[in-house]
Amino acid sequence: YKNNPTDTYAALYYAELIGSEKPDDAAAIFREVLKREPNNLFANVNYAQYLITRGNEKITAANEAKAPSDNQRLLREANAIFTEALPLLERAHEAAPKNFDVLDALWKIAVKLNDE
């Protein structure tokens, strides 16, 4: 990947390899791929999953917040993150309407956004 950063397959493979150790770096690679190929199923799903994880972290922090203003701020941040993930999953759903991972992630986002 580092020798040829425009090689989509190599970039996605590298992002998958480093994803658990360096999720922010993997997310940056998914964003790069999506700039070149906005309908790339793998990049859309994996970047959306990254965002869902980040949004869930904000919800956890909100639940642990002592001040109501911190709670509300963190919930707004989580909502913004989930809103960012939604079009990624919608594109993925268009490409693979029966893909369980896509349907599951769309359901999770819908639940999160309707809880707000």
Protein backbone atom coordinates (compact mmCIF):
# COMPACT_ATOMS: atom_id res chain seq x y z
CA TYR A 1 0.00 0.00 0.00
CA LYS A 2 2.70 2.48 0.96
CA ASN A 3 4.47 1.92 -2.37
CA ASN A 4 1.28 2.51 -4.35
CA PRO A 5 -1.33 4.43 -2.30
CA THR A 6 -3.76 4.59 -5.22
CA ASP A 7 -4.06 0.79 -5.37
CA THR A 8 -7.51 0.36 -3.86
CA TYR A 9 -7.16 -3.35 -3.17
CA ALA A 10 -3.81 -2.88 -1.40
CA ALA A 11 -5.15 0.08 0.57
CA LEU A 12 -8.20 -1.83 1.79
CA TYR A 13 -6.13 -4.90 2.62
CA TYR A 14 -3.69 -2.76 4.60
CA ALA A 15 -6.54 -0.98 6.41
CA GLU A 16 -8.02 -4.35 7.35
CA LEU A 17 -4.67 -5.52 8.68
CA ILE A 18 -4.09 -2.47 10.89
CA GLY A 19 -7.74 -1.86 11.82
CA SER A 20 -7.73 -3.45 15.26
CA GLU A 21 -4.38 -1.93 16.27
CA LYS A 22 -4.77 1.47 14.61
CA PRO A 23 -8.45 2.11 13.90
CA ASP A 24 -7.97 5.84 13.24
CA ASP A 25 -5.31 5.09 10.61
CA ALA A 26 -7.55 2.48 9.01
CA ALA A 27 -10.43 4.98 8.97
CA ALA A 28 -8.21 7.50 7.19
CA ILE A 29 -7.48 4.89 4.51
CA PHE A 30 -11.18 4.12 4.11
CA ARG A 31 -11.85 7.86 3.67
CA GLU A 32 -9.10 8.07 1.02
CA VAL A 33 -10.58 5.14 -0.89
CA LEU A 34 -14.07 6.68 -0.67
CA LYS A 35 -12.79 9.91 -2.22
CA ARG A 36 -11.69 7.90 -5.26
CA GLU A 37 -14.46 5.29 -5.21
CA PRO A 38 -17.49 6.59 -3.30
CA ASN A 39 -19.47 3.40 -3.94
CA ASN A 40 -16.81 0.97 -2.73
CA LEU A 41 -18.81 -1.48 -0.62
CA PHE A 42 -15.96 -2.58 1.64
CA ALA A 43 -14.82 0.99 2.39
CA ASN A 44 -18.38 2.22 3.00
CA VAL A 45 -19.20 -0.60 5.41
CA ASN A 46 -15.92 -0.51 7.29
CA TYR A 47 -15.81 3.26 7.64
CA ALA A 48 -19.43 3.25 8.81
CA GLN A 49 -18.59 0.55 11.37
CA TYR A 50 -15.71 2.71 12.58
CA LEU A 51 -18.10 5.64 12.97
CA ILE A 52 -20.66 3.50 14.79
CA THR A 53 -17.96 2.45 17.26
CA ARG A 54 -16.95 6.09 17.80
CA GLY A 55 -20.59 7.09 18.26
CA ASN A 56 -21.11 4.33 20.80
CA GLU A 57 -18.04 5.55 22.69
CA LYS A 58 -19.64 9.00 22.89
CA ILE A 59 -22.86 7.45 24.25
CA THR A 60 -20.89 5.56 26.89
CA ALA A 61 -19.12 8.77 27.88
CA ALA A 62 -22.47 10.59 27.99
CA ASN A 63 -23.89 7.95 30.31
CA GLU A 64 -20.89 8.40 32.61
CA ALA A 65 -20.95 12.21 32.49
CA LYS A 66 -21.73 13.86 35.79
CA ALA A 67 -22.89 17.20 34.40
CA PRO A 68 -26.11 17.27 32.36
CA SER A 69 -24.50 19.72 29.92
CA ASP A 70 -21.69 17.22 29.23
CA ASN A 71 -24.24 14.45 28.77
CA GLN A 72 -26.21 16.47 26.23
CA ARG A 73 -23.07 17.60 24.37
CA LEU A 74 -21.79 14.04 24.06
CA LEU A 75 -25.17 12.78 22.87
CA ARG A 76 -25.24 15.51 20.19
CA GLU A 77 -21.73 14.48 19.10
CA ALA A 78 -22.82 10.83 18.92
CA ASN A 79 -25.87 11.80 16.86
CA ALA A 80 -23.66 13.74 14.42
CA ILE A 81 -21.37 10.73 14.04
CA PHE A 82 -24.30 8.37 13.41
CA THR A 83 -25.71 10.85 10.90
CA GLU A 84 -22.36 10.82 9.08
CA ALA A 85 -22.44 7.01 8.93
CA LEU A 86 -25.96 6.79 7.49
CA PRO A 87 -25.22 7.76 3.84
CA LEU A 88 -22.26 5.37 3.80
CA LEU A 89 -24.56 2.53 4.75
CA GLU A 90 -27.25 3.66 2.33
CA ARG A 91 -24.70 3.47 -0.52
CA ALA A 92 -23.60 0.06 0.70
CA HIS A 93 -27.23 -1.09 0.83
CA GLU A 94 -27.76 0.03 -2.77
CA ALA A 95 -24.76 -2.06 -3.81
CA ALA A 96 -25.62 -5.09 -1.67
CA PRO A 97 -29.27 -4.97 -0.57
CA LYS A 98 -29.21 -8.44 1.02
CA ASN A 99 -25.85 -8.14 2.80
CA PHE A 100 -26.44 -8.97 6.46
CA ASP A 101 -23.64 -6.72 7.75
CA VAL A 102 -25.07 -3.75 5.88
CA LEU A 103 -28.62 -4.44 7.04
CA ASP A 104 -27.45 -4.92 10.64
CA ALA A 105 -25.49 -1.67 10.61
CA LEU A 106 -28.41 0.22 9.05
CA TRP A 107 -30.70 -1.11 11.76
CA LYS A 108 -28.23 -0.04 14.48
CA ILE A 109 -28.01 3.47 13.03
CA ALA A 110 -31.80 3.76 12.74
CA VAL A 111 -32.19 2.73 16.39
CA LYS A 112 -29.51 5.17 17.55
CA LEU A 113 -30.92 8.09 15.55
CA ASN A 114 -34.48 7.38 16.72
CA ASP A 115 -33.33 7.29 20.36
CA GLU A 116 -32.27 10.93 20.14
